[in-house]
Amino acid sequence: VQAGGSLRVSCAASGRTFNIYTMAWFRQAPGKEREFVAAVNWSEAV
């Protein structure tokens, strides 16, 4: 995408999903450490 644009990424969970309470996004660029982006939990806190 070009700078200033938008994109939507999604994540699908399967298996023993009852074990999940919080899901989150992380990102890692080349040469950089992984960093936290955002989180959402089962109670819809973000």
ModelCIF file with pLDDT and N, C-alpha, C, O atoms, coordinates in Angstrom:
data_MODEL
#
_entry.id   MODEL 
#
_entity.id                         1 
_entity.type                       polymer 
_entity.pdbx_number_of_molecules   1 
#
_entity_poly.entity_id                      1 
_entity_poly.type                           'polypeptide(L)' 
_entity_poly.nstd_linkage                   no 
_entity_poly.nstd_monomer                   no 
_entity_poly.pdbx_seq_one_letter_code       VQAGGSLRVSCAASGRTFNIYTMAWFRQAPGKEREFVAAVNWSEAV 
_entity_poly.pdbx_seq_one_letter_code_can   VQAGGSLRVSCAASGRTFNIYTMAWFRQAPGKEREFVAAVNWSEAV 
_entity_poly.pdbx_strand_id                 A 
#
loop_
_entity_poly_seq.entity_id 
_entity_poly_seq.num 
_entity_poly_seq.mon_id 
_entity_poly_seq.hetero 
1 1  VAL n 
1 2  GLN n 
1 3  ALA n 
1 4  GLY n 
1 5  GLY n 
1 6  SER n 
1 7  LEU n 
1 8  ARG n 
1 9  VAL n 
1 10 SER n 
1 11 CYS n 
1 12 ALA n 
1 13 ALA n 
1 14 SER n 
1 15 GLY n 
1 16 ARG n 
1 17 THR n 
1 18 PHE n 
1 19 ASN n 
1 20 ILE n 
1 21 TYR n 
1 22 THR n 
1 23 MET n 
1 24 ALA n 
1 25 TRP n 
1 26 PHE n 
1 27 ARG n 
1 28 GLN n 
1 29 ALA n 
1 30 PRO n 
1 31 GLY n 
1 32 LYS n 
1 33 GLU n 
1 34 ARG n 
1 35 GLU n 
1 36 PHE n 
1 37 VAL n 
1 38 ALA n 
1 39 ALA n 
1 40 VAL n 
1 41 ASN n 
1 42 TRP n 
1 43 SER n 
1 44 GLU n 
1 45 ALA n 
1 46 VAL n 
#
_struct_asym.id          A 
_struct_asym.entity_id   1 
#
loop_
_ma_qa_metric.id 
_ma_qa_metric.mode 
_ma_qa_metric.name 
_ma_qa_metric.software_group_id 
_ma_qa_metric.type 
1 global pLDDT . pLDDT 
2 local  pLDDT . pLDDT 
#
_ma_qa_metric_global.metric_id      1 
_ma_qa_metric_global.metric_value   96.30 
_ma_qa_metric_global.model_id       1 
_ma_qa_metric_global.ordinal_id     1 
#
loop_
_ma_qa_metric_local.label_asym_id 
_ma_qa_metric_local.label_comp_id 
_ma_qa_metric_local.label_seq_id 
_ma_qa_metric_local.metric_id 
_ma_qa_metric_local.metric_value 
_ma_qa_metric_local.model_id 
_ma_qa_metric_local.ordinal_id 
A VAL 1  2 98.00 1 1  
A GLN 2  2 98.00 1 2  
A ALA 3  2 98.00 1 3  
A GLY 4  2 98.00 1 4  
A GLY 5  2 98.00 1 5  
A SER 6  2 98.00 1 6  
A LEU 7  2 98.00 1 7  
A ARG 8  2 98.00 1 8  
A VAL 9  2 98.00 1 9  
A SER 10 2 98.00 1 10 
A CYS 11 2 98.00 1 11 
A ALA 12 2 97.00 1 12 
A ALA 13 2 97.00 1 13 
A SER 14 2 96.00 1 14 
A GLY 15 2 96.00 1 15 
A ARG 16 2 93.00 1 16 
A THR 17 2 93.00 1 17 
A PHE 18 2 89.00 1 18 
A ASN 19 2 84.00 1 19 
A ILE 20 2 94.00 1 20 
A TYR 21 2 96.00 1 21 
A THR 22 2 97.00 1 22 
A MET 23 2 97.00 1 23 
A ALA 24 2 98.00 1 24 
A TRP 25 2 98.00 1 25 
A PHE 26 2 98.00 1 26 
A ARG 27 2 98.00 1 27 
A GLN 28 2 98.00 1 28 
A ALA 29 2 97.00 1 29 
A PRO 30 2 93.00 1 30 
A GLY 31 2 95.00 1 31 
A LYS 32 2 97.00 1 32 
A GLU 33 2 97.00 1 33 
A ARG 34 2 97.00 1 34 
A GLU 35 2 97.00 1 35 
A PHE 36 2 98.00 1 36 
A VAL 37 2 98.00 1 37 
A ALA 38 2 98.00 1 38 
A ALA 39 2 98.00 1 39 
A VAL 40 2 97.00 1 40 
A ASN 41 2 96.00 1 41 
A TRP 42 2 93.00 1 42 
A SER 43 2 94.00 1 43 
A GLU 44 2 94.00 1 44 
A ALA 45 2 96.00 1 45 
A VAL 46 2 98.00 1 46 
#
loop_
_atom_site.group_PDB 
_atom_site.id 
_atom_site.type_symbol 
_atom_site.label_atom_id 
_atom_site.label_alt_id 
_atom_site.label_comp_id 
_atom_site.label_asym_id 
_atom_site.label_entity_id 
_atom_site.label_seq_id 
_atom_site.pdbx_PDB_ins_code 
_atom_site.Cartn_x 
_atom_site.Cartn_y 
_atom_site.Cartn_z 
_atom_site.occupancy 
_atom_site.B_iso_or_equiv 
_atom_site.pdbx_formal_charge 
_atom_site.auth_seq_id 
_atom_site.auth_comp_id 
_atom_site.auth_asym_id 
_atom_site.auth_atom_id 
_atom_site.pdbx_PDB_model_num 
ATOM 1   N N  . VAL A 1 1  ? 0.843   -1.184  0.000  1.00 98.00 ? 1  VAL A N  1 
ATOM 2   C CA . VAL A 1 1  ? 0.000   0.000   0.000  1.00 98.00 ? 1  VAL A CA 1 
ATOM 3   C C  . VAL A 1 1  ? 0.882   1.239   0.000  1.00 98.00 ? 1  VAL A C  1 
ATOM 4   O O  . VAL A 1 1  ? 1.991   1.214   0.534  1.00 98.00 ? 1  VAL A O  1 
ATOM 5   N N  . GLN A 1 2  ? 0.399   2.311   -0.591 1.00 98.00 ? 2  GLN A N  1 
ATOM 6   C CA . GLN A 1 2  ? 1.139   3.559   -0.602 1.00 98.00 ? 2  GLN A CA 1 
ATOM 7   C C  . GLN A 1 2  ? 0.991   4.285   0.734  1.00 98.00 ? 2  GLN A C  1 
ATOM 8   O O  . GLN A 1 2  ? 0.012   4.094   1.454  1.00 98.00 ? 2  GLN A O  1 
ATOM 9   N N  . ALA A 1 3  ? 1.971   5.111   1.047  1.00 98.00 ? 3  ALA A N  1 
ATOM 10  C CA . ALA A 1 3  ? 1.905   5.911   2.261  1.00 98.00 ? 3  ALA A CA 1 
ATOM 11  C C  . ALA A 1 3  ? 0.615   6.725   2.290  1.00 98.00 ? 3  ALA A C  1 
ATOM 12  O O  . ALA A 1 3  ? 0.213   7.320   1.290  1.00 98.00 ? 3  ALA A O  1 
ATOM 13  N N  . GLY A 1 4  ? -0.016  6.735   3.448  1.00 98.00 ? 4  GLY A N  1 
ATOM 14  C CA . GLY A 1 4  ? -1.287  7.415   3.602  1.00 98.00 ? 4  GLY A CA 1 
ATOM 15  C C  . GLY A 1 4  ? -2.486  6.531   3.357  1.00 98.00 ? 4  GLY A C  1 
ATOM 16  O O  . GLY A 1 4  ? -3.621  6.922   3.630  1.00 98.00 ? 4  GLY A O  1 
ATOM 17  N N  . GLY A 1 5  ? -2.241  5.350   2.846  1.00 98.00 ? 5  GLY A N  1 
ATOM 18  C CA . GLY A 1 5  ? -3.319  4.432   2.543  1.00 98.00 ? 5  GLY A CA 1 
ATOM 19  C C  . GLY A 1 5  ? -3.731  3.591   3.734  1.00 98.00 ? 5  GLY A C  1 
ATOM 20  O O  . GLY A 1 5  ? -3.247  3.776   4.850  1.00 98.00 ? 5  GLY A O  1 
ATOM 21  N N  . SER A 1 6  ? -4.637  2.663   3.470  1.00 98.00 ? 6  SER A N  1 
ATOM 22  C CA . SER A 1 6  ? -5.191  1.812   4.515  1.00 98.00 ? 6  SER A CA 1 
ATOM 23  C C  . SER A 1 6  ? -5.105  0.346   4.131  1.00 98.00 ? 6  SER A C  1 
ATOM 24  O O  . SER A 1 6  ? -5.054  -0.008  2.953  1.00 98.00 ? 6  SER A O  1 
ATOM 25  N N  . LEU A 1 7  ? -5.091  -0.482  5.140  1.00 98.00 ? 7  LEU A N  1 
ATOM 26  C CA . LEU A 1 7  ? -5.050  -1.916  4.949  1.00 98.00 ? 7  LEU A CA 1 
ATOM 27  C C  . LEU A 1 7  ? -5.671  -2.573  6.171  1.00 98.00 ? 7  LEU A C  1 
ATOM 28  O O  . LEU A 1 7  ? -5.587  -2.044  7.279  1.00 98.00 ? 7  LEU A O  1 
ATOM 29  N N  . ARG A 1 8  ? -6.285  -3.711  5.968  1.00 98.00 ? 8  ARG A N  1 
ATOM 30  C CA . ARG A 1 8  ? -6.901  -4.456  7.063  1.00 98.00 ? 8  ARG A CA 1 
ATOM 31  C C  . ARG A 1 8  ? -6.343  -5.867  7.079  1.00 98.00 ? 8  ARG A C  1 
ATOM 32  O O  . ARG A 1 8  ? -6.461  -6.601  6.098  1.00 98.00 ? 8  ARG A O  1 
ATOM 33  N N  . VAL A 1 9  ? -5.739  -6.240  8.185  1.00 98.00 ? 9  VAL A N  1 
ATOM 34  C CA . VAL A 1 9  ? -5.242  -7.593  8.353  1.00 98.00 ? 9  VAL A CA 1 
ATOM 35  C C  . VAL A 1 9  ? -6.135  -8.326  9.339  1.00 98.00 ? 9  VAL A C  1 
ATOM 36  O O  . VAL A 1 9  ? -6.696  -7.727  10.257 1.00 98.00 ? 9  VAL A O  1 
ATOM 37  N N  . SER A 1 10 ? -6.259  -9.623  9.135  1.00 98.00 ? 10 SER A N  1 
ATOM 38  C CA . SER A 1 10 ? -7.140  -10.423 9.962  1.00 98.00 ? 10 SER A CA 1 
ATOM 39  C C  . SER A 1 10 ? -6.419  -11.654 10.480 1.00 98.00 ? 10 SER A C  1 
ATOM 40  O O  . SER A 1 10 ? -5.403  -12.078 9.930  1.00 98.00 ? 10 SER A O  1 
ATOM 41  N N  . CYS A 1 11 ? -6.962  -12.217 11.545 1.00 98.00 ? 11 CYS A N  1 
ATOM 42  C CA . CYS A 1 11 ? -6.408  -13.416 12.148 1.00 98.00 ? 11 CYS A CA 1 
ATOM 43  C C  . CYS A 1 11 ? -7.551  -14.349 12.498 1.00 98.00 ? 11 CYS A C  1 
ATOM 44  O O  . CYS A 1 11 ? -8.524  -13.940 13.132 1.00 98.00 ? 11 CYS A O  1 
ATOM 45  N N  . ALA A 1 12 ? -7.434  -15.592 12.086 1.00 97.00 ? 12 ALA A N  1 
ATOM 46  C CA . ALA A 1 12 ? -8.421  -16.609 12.407 1.00 97.00 ? 12 ALA A CA 1 
ATOM 47  C C  . ALA A 1 12 ? -7.811  -17.632 13.349 1.00 97.00 ? 12 ALA A C  1 
ATOM 48  O O  . ALA A 1 12 ? -6.722  -18.148 13.097 1.00 97.00 ? 12 ALA A O  1 
ATOM 49  N N  . ALA A 1 13 ? -8.508  -17.921 14.424 1.00 97.00 ? 13 ALA A N  1 
ATOM 50  C CA . ALA A 1 13 ? -8.047  -18.887 15.411 1.00 97.00 ? 13 ALA A CA 1 
ATOM 51  C C  . ALA A 1 13 ? -8.850  -20.172 15.293 1.00 97.00 ? 13 ALA A C  1 
ATOM 52  O O  . ALA A 1 13 ? -10.059 -20.145 15.064 1.00 97.00 ? 13 ALA A O  1 
ATOM 53  N N  . SER A 1 14 ? -8.175  -21.280 15.448 1.00 96.00 ? 14 SER A N  1 
ATOM 54  C CA . SER A 1 14 ? -8.837  -22.570 15.412 1.00 96.00 ? 14 SER A CA 1 
ATOM 55  C C  . SER A 1 14 ? -8.199  -23.500 16.437 1.00 96.00 ? 14 SER A C  1 
ATOM 56  O O  . SER A 1 14 ? -7.179  -23.170 17.042 1.00 96.00 ? 14 SER A O  1 
ATOM 57  N N  . GLY A 1 15 ? -8.804  -24.648 16.621 1.00 96.00 ? 15 GLY A N  1 
ATOM 58  C CA . GLY A 1 15 ? -8.316  -25.575 17.613 1.00 96.00 ? 15 GLY A CA 1 
ATOM 59  C C  . GLY A 1 15 ? -8.987  -25.340 18.955 1.00 96.00 ? 15 GLY A C  1 
ATOM 60  O O  . GLY A 1 15 ? -10.199 -25.136 19.023 1.00 96.00 ? 15 GLY A O  1 
ATOM 61  N N  . ARG A 1 16 ? -8.206  -25.369 20.008 1.00 93.00 ? 16 ARG A N  1 
ATOM 62  C CA . ARG A 1 16 ? -8.722  -25.193 21.360 1.00 93.00 ? 16 ARG A CA 1 
ATOM 63  C C  . ARG A 1 16 ? -8.855  -23.700 21.686 1.00 93.00 ? 16 ARG A C  1 
ATOM 64  O O  . ARG A 1 16 ? -8.162  -23.175 22.557 1.00 93.00 ? 16 ARG A O  1 
ATOM 65  N N  . THR A 1 17 ? -9.746  -23.047 20.979 1.00 93.00 ? 17 THR A N  1 
ATOM 66  C CA . THR A 1 17 ? -9.871  -21.595 21.111 1.00 93.00 ? 17 THR A CA 1 
ATOM 67  C C  . THR A 1 17 ? -10.450 -21.160 22.448 1.00 93.00 ? 17 THR A C  1 
ATOM 68  O O  . THR A 1 17 ? -10.346 -19.986 22.806 1.00 93.00 ? 17 THR A O  1 
ATOM 69  N N  . PHE A 1 18 ? -11.056 -22.076 23.194 1.00 89.00 ? 18 PHE A N  1 
ATOM 70  C CA . PHE A 1 18 ? -11.571 -21.730 24.513 1.00 89.00 ? 18 PHE A CA 1 
ATOM 71  C C  . PHE A 1 18 ? -10.454 -21.316 25.460 1.00 89.00 ? 18 PHE A C  1 
ATOM 72  O O  . PHE A 1 18 ? -10.705 -20.707 26.499 1.00 89.00 ? 18 PHE A O  1 
ATOM 73  N N  . ASN A 1 19 ? -9.247  -21.643 25.103 1.00 84.00 ? 19 ASN A N  1 
ATOM 74  C CA . ASN A 1 19 ? -8.085  -21.286 25.912 1.00 84.00 ? 19 ASN A CA 1 
ATOM 75  C C  . ASN A 1 19 ? -7.661  -19.834 25.722 1.00 84.00 ? 19 ASN A C  1 
ATOM 76  O O  . ASN A 1 19 ? -6.828  -19.329 26.475 1.00 84.00 ? 19 ASN A O  1 
ATOM 77  N N  . ILE A 1 20 ? -8.226  -19.162 24.726 1.00 94.00 ? 20 ILE A N  1 
ATOM 78  C CA . ILE A 1 20 ? -7.830  -17.798 24.392 1.00 94.00 ? 20 ILE A CA 1 
ATOM 79  C C  . ILE A 1 20 ? -8.652  -16.784 25.173 1.00 94.00 ? 20 ILE A C  1 
ATOM 80  O O  . ILE A 1 20 ? -9.879  -16.875 25.218 1.00 94.00 ? 20 ILE A O  1 
ATOM 81  N N  . TYR A 1 21 ? -7.980  -15.826 25.783 1.00 96.00 ? 21 TYR A N  1 
ATOM 82  C CA . TYR A 1 21 ? -8.659  -14.708 26.408 1.00 96.00 ? 21 TYR A CA 1 
ATOM 83  C C  . TYR A 1 21 ? -8.281  -13.384 25.747 1.00 96.00 ? 21 TYR A C  1 
ATOM 84  O O  . TYR A 1 21 ? -9.124  -12.501 25.592 1.00 96.00 ? 21 TYR A O  1 
ATOM 85  N N  . THR A 1 22 ? -7.033  -13.251 25.363 1.00 97.00 ? 22 THR A N  1 
ATOM 86  C CA . THR A 1 22 ? -6.546  -12.041 24.720 1.00 97.00 ? 22 THR A CA 1 
ATOM 87  C C  . THR A 1 22 ? -5.869  -12.385 23.407 1.00 97.00 ? 22 THR A C  1 
ATOM 88  O O  . THR A 1 22 ? -5.101  -13.344 23.325 1.00 97.00 ? 22 THR A O  1 
ATOM 89  N N  . MET A 1 23 ? -6.154  -11.604 22.391 1.00 97.00 ? 23 MET A N  1 
ATOM 90  C CA . MET A 1 23 ? -5.457  -11.716 21.122 1.00 97.00 ? 23 MET A CA 1 
ATOM 91  C C  . MET A 1 23 ? -4.805  -10.380 20.819 1.00 97.00 ? 23 MET A C  1 
ATOM 92  O O  . MET A 1 23 ? -5.298  -9.327  21.224 1.00 97.00 ? 23 MET A O  1 
ATOM 93  N N  . ALA A 1 24 ? -3.710  -10.435 20.115 1.00 98.00 ? 24 ALA A N  1 
ATOM 94  C CA . ALA A 1 24 ? -2.944  -9.218  19.881 1.00 98.00 ? 24 ALA A CA 1 
ATOM 95  C C  . ALA A 1 24 ? -2.218  -9.278  18.548 1.00 98.00 ? 24 ALA A C  1 
ATOM 96  O O  . ALA A 1 24 ? -2.059  -10.338 17.944 1.00 98.00 ? 24 ALA A O  1 
ATOM 97  N N  . TRP A 1 25 ? -1.789  -8.117  18.118 1.00 98.00 ? 25 TRP A N  1 
ATOM 98  C CA . TRP A 1 25 ? -0.955  -7.988  16.935 1.00 98.00 ? 25 TRP A CA 1 
ATOM 99  C C  . TRP A 1 25 ? 0.427   -7.498  17.339 1.00 98.00 ? 25 TRP A C  1 
ATOM 100 O O  . TRP A 1 25 ? 0.573   -6.573  18.138 1.00 98.00 ? 25 TRP A O  1 
ATOM 101 N N  . PHE A 1 26 ? 1.423   -8.133  16.773 1.00 98.00 ? 26 PHE A N  1 
ATOM 102 C CA . PHE A 1 26 ? 2.800   -7.706  16.883 1.00 98.00 ? 26 PHE A CA 1 
ATOM 103 C C  . PHE A 1 26 ? 3.336   -7.495  15.478 1.00 98.00 ? 26 PHE A C  1 
ATOM 104 O O  . PHE A 1 26 ? 2.767   -7.996  14.509 1.00 98.00 ? 26 PHE A O  1 
ATOM 105 N N  . ARG A 1 27 ? 4.416   -6.763  15.370 1.00 98.00 ? 27 ARG A N  1 
ATOM 106 C CA . ARG A 1 27 ? 5.047   -6.590  14.071 1.00 98.00 ? 27 ARG A CA 1 
ATOM 107 C C  . ARG A 1 27 ? 6.558   -6.585  14.221 1.00 98.00 ? 27 ARG A C  1 
ATOM 108 O O  . ARG A 1 27 ? 7.102   -6.210  15.260 1.00 98.00 ? 27 ARG A O  1 
ATOM 109 N N  . GLN A 1 28 ? 7.215   -7.010  13.160 1.00 98.00 ? 28 GLN A N  1 
ATOM 110 C CA . GLN A 1 28 ? 8.663   -7.040  13.162 1.00 98.00 ? 28 GLN A CA 1 
ATOM 111 C C  . GLN A 1 28 ? 9.181   -6.651  11.783 1.00 98.00 ? 28 GLN A C  1 
ATOM 112 O O  . GLN A 1 28 ? 8.855   -7.280  10.777 1.00 98.00 ? 28 GLN A O  1 
ATOM 113 N N  . ALA A 1 29 ? 9.982   -5.614  11.762 1.00 97.00 ? 29 ALA A N  1 
ATOM 114 C CA . ALA A 1 29 ? 10.615  -5.159  10.540 1.00 97.00 ? 29 ALA A CA 1 
ATOM 115 C C  . ALA A 1 29 ? 12.028  -5.728  10.466 1.00 97.00 ? 29 ALA A C  1 
ATOM 116 O O  . ALA A 1 29 ? 12.617  -6.051  11.497 1.00 97.00 ? 29 ALA A O  1 
ATOM 117 N N  . PRO A 1 30 ? 12.579  -5.853  9.264  1.00 93.00 ? 30 PRO A N  1 
ATOM 118 C CA . PRO A 1 30 ? 13.947  -6.367  9.136  1.00 93.00 ? 30 PRO A CA 1 
ATOM 119 C C  . PRO A 1 30 ? 14.936  -5.556  9.959  1.00 93.00 ? 30 PRO A C  1 
ATOM 120 O O  . PRO A 1 30 ? 14.946  -4.327  9.896  1.00 93.00 ? 30 PRO A O  1 
ATOM 121 N N  . GLY A 1 31 ? 15.760  -6.242  10.725 1.00 95.00 ? 31 GLY A N  1 
ATOM 122 C CA . GLY A 1 31 ? 16.762  -5.583  11.529 1.00 95.00 ? 31 GLY A CA 1 
ATOM 123 C C  . GLY A 1 31 ? 16.255  -4.990  12.821 1.00 95.00 ? 31 GLY A C  1 
ATOM 124 O O  . GLY A 1 31 ? 17.031  -4.398  13.571 1.00 95.00 ? 31 GLY A O  1 
ATOM 125 N N  . LYS A 1 32 ? 14.981  -5.134  13.099 1.00 97.00 ? 32 LYS A N  1 
ATOM 126 C CA . LYS A 1 32 ? 14.403  -4.594  14.318 1.00 97.00 ? 32 LYS A CA 1 
ATOM 127 C C  . LYS A 1 32 ? 13.794  -5.707  15.162 1.00 97.00 ? 32 LYS A C  1 
ATOM 128 O O  . LYS A 1 32 ? 13.468  -6.783  14.660 1.00 97.00 ? 32 LYS A O  1 
ATOM 129 N N  . GLU A 1 33 ? 13.650  -5.427  16.444 1.00 97.00 ? 33 GLU A N  1 
ATOM 130 C CA . GLU A 1 33 ? 13.007  -6.374  17.336 1.00 97.00 ? 33 GLU A CA 1 
ATOM 131 C C  . GLU A 1 33 ? 11.498  -6.338  17.140 1.00 97.00 ? 33 GLU A C  1 
ATOM 132 O O  . GLU A 1 33 ? 10.935  -5.341  16.687 1.00 97.00 ? 33 GLU A O  1 
ATOM 133 N N  . ARG A 1 34 ? 10.868  -7.429  17.486 1.00 97.00 ? 34 ARG A N  1 
ATOM 134 C CA . ARG A 1 34 ? 9.425   -7.498  17.431 1.00 97.00 ? 34 ARG A CA 1 
ATOM 135 C C  . ARG A 1 34 ? 8.824   -6.496  18.406 1.00 97.00 ? 34 ARG A C  1 
ATOM 136 O O  . ARG A 1 34 ? 9.303   -6.354  19.531 1.00 97.00 ? 34 ARG A O  1 
ATOM 137 N N  . GLU A 1 35 ? 7.780   -5.803  17.978 1.00 97.00 ? 35 GLU A N  1 
ATOM 138 C CA . GLU A 1 35 ? 7.144   -4.832  18.850 1.00 97.00 ? 35 GLU A CA 1 
ATOM 139 C C  . GLU A 1 35 ? 5.640   -5.066  18.928 1.00 97.00 ? 35 GLU A C  1 
ATOM 140 O O  . GLU A 1 35 ? 5.013   -5.527  17.974 1.00 97.00 ? 35 GLU A O  1 
ATOM 141 N N  . PHE A 1 36 ? 5.094   -4.745  20.061 1.00 98.00 ? 36 PHE A N  1 
ATOM 142 C CA . PHE A 1 36 ? 3.666   -4.843  20.284 1.00 98.00 ? 36 PHE A CA 1 
ATOM 143 C C  . PHE A 1 36 ? 2.939   -3.757  19.518 1.00 98.00 ? 36 PHE A C  1 
ATOM 144 O O  . PHE A 1 36 ? 3.418   -2.627  19.422 1.00 98.00 ? 36 PHE A O  1 
ATOM 145 N N  . VAL A 1 37 ? 1.770   -4.103  18.968 1.00 98.00 ? 37 VAL A N  1 
ATOM 146 C CA . VAL A 1 37 ? 0.975   -3.146  18.213 1.00 98.00 ? 37 VAL A CA 1 
ATOM 147 C C  . VAL A 1 37 ? -0.344  -2.853  18.917 1.00 98.00 ? 37 VAL A C  1 
ATOM 148 O O  . VAL A 1 37 ? -0.639  -1.699  19.229 1.00 98.00 ? 37 VAL A O  1 
ATOM 149 N N  . ALA A 1 38 ? -1.136  -3.885  19.168 1.00 98.00 ? 38 ALA A N  1 
ATOM 150 C CA . ALA A 1 38 ? -2.448  -3.694  19.775 1.00 98.00 ? 38 ALA A CA 1 
ATOM 151 C C  . ALA A 1 38 ? -2.952  -5.014  20.322 1.00 98.00 ? 38 ALA A C  1 
ATOM 152 O O  . ALA A 1 38 ? -2.516  -6.082  19.893 1.00 98.00 ? 38 ALA A O  1 
ATOM 153 N N  . ALA A 1 39 ? -3.878  -4.938  21.278 1.00 98.00 ? 39 ALA A N  1 
ATOM 154 C CA . ALA A 1 39 ? -4.465  -6.129  21.874 1.00 98.00 ? 39 ALA A CA 1 
ATOM 155 C C  . ALA A 1 39 ? -5.944  -5.918  22.134 1.00 98.00 ? 39 ALA A C  1 
ATOM 156 O O  . ALA A 1 39 ? -6.394  -4.794  22.358 1.00 98.00 ? 39 ALA A O  1 
ATOM 157 N N  . VAL A 1 40 ? -6.692  -7.006  22.103 1.00 97.00 ? 40 VAL A N  1 
ATOM 158 C CA . VAL A 1 40 ? -8.107  -6.999  22.448 1.00 97.00 ? 40 VAL A CA 1 
ATOM 159 C C  . VAL A 1 40 ? -8.398  -8.274  23.222 1.00 97.00 ? 40 VAL A C  1 
ATOM 160 O O  . VAL A 1 40 ? -7.879  -9.339  22.885 1.00 97.00 ? 40 VAL A O  1 
ATOM 161 N N  . ASN A 1 41 ? -9.230  -8.172  24.262 1.00 96.00 ? 41 ASN A N  1 
ATOM 162 C CA . ASN A 1 41 ? -9.532  -9.364  25.027 1.00 96.00 ? 41 ASN A CA 1 
ATOM 163 C C  . ASN A 1 41 ? -10.994 -9.766  24.891 1.00 96.00 ? 41 ASN A C  1 
ATOM 164 O O  . ASN A 1 41 ? -11.775 -9.087  24.224 1.00 96.00 ? 41 ASN A O  1 
ATOM 165 N N  . TRP A 1 42 ? -11.353 -10.861 25.521 1.00 93.00 ? 42 TRP A N  1 
ATOM 166 C CA . TRP A 1 42 ? -12.692 -11.422 25.424 1.00 93.00 ? 42 TRP A CA 1 
ATOM 167 C C  . TRP A 1 42 ? -13.747 -10.458 25.943 1.00 93.00 ? 42 TRP A C  1 
ATOM 168 O O  . TRP A 1 42 ? -14.895 -10.523 25.505 1.00 93.00 ? 42 TRP A O  1 
ATOM 169 N N  . SER A 1 43 ? -13.398 -9.576  26.851 1.00 94.00 ? 43 SER A N  1 
ATOM 170 C CA . SER A 1 43 ? -14.307 -8.573  27.376 1.00 94.00 ? 43 SER A CA 1 
ATOM 171 C C  . SER A 1 43 ? -14.338 -7.311  26.519 1.00 94.00 ? 43 SER A C  1 
ATOM 172 O O  . SER A 1 43 ? -14.977 -6.326  26.888 1.00 94.00 ? 43 SER A O  1 
ATOM 173 N N  . GLU A 1 44 ? -13.656 -7.335  25.387 1.00 94.00 ? 44 GLU A N  1 
ATOM 174 C CA . GLU A 1 44 ? -13.630 -6.255  24.405 1.00 94.00 ? 44 GLU A CA 1 
ATOM 175 C C  . GLU A 1 44 ? -12.813 -5.050  24.841 1.00 94.00 ? 44 GLU A C  1 
ATOM 176 O O  . GLU A 1 44 ? -12.946 -3.971  24.265 1.00 94.00 ? 44 GLU A O  1 
ATOM 177 N N  . ALA A 1 45 ? -11.979 -5.220  25.840 1.00 96.00 ? 45 ALA A N  1 
ATOM 178 C CA . ALA A 1 45 ? -11.026 -4.165  26.161 1.00 96.00 ? 45 ALA A CA 1 
ATOM 179 C C  . ALA A 1 45 ? -9.958  -4.117  25.075 1.00 96.00 ? 45 ALA A C  1 
ATOM 180 O O  . ALA A 1 45 ? -9.577  -5.150  24.524 1.00 96.00 ? 45 ALA A O  1 
ATOM 181 N N  . VAL A 1 46 ? -9.483  -2.926  24.773 1.00 98.00 ? 46 VAL A N  1 
ATOM 182 C CA . VAL A 1 46 ? -8.457  -2.762  23.748 1.00 98.00 ? 46 VAL A CA 1 
ATOM 183 C C  . VAL A 1 46 ? -7.300  -1.946  24.293 1.00 98.00 ? 46 VAL A C  1 
ATOM 184 O O  . VAL A 1 46 ? -6.330  -1.696  23.578 1.00 98.00 ? 46 VAL A O  1 
#
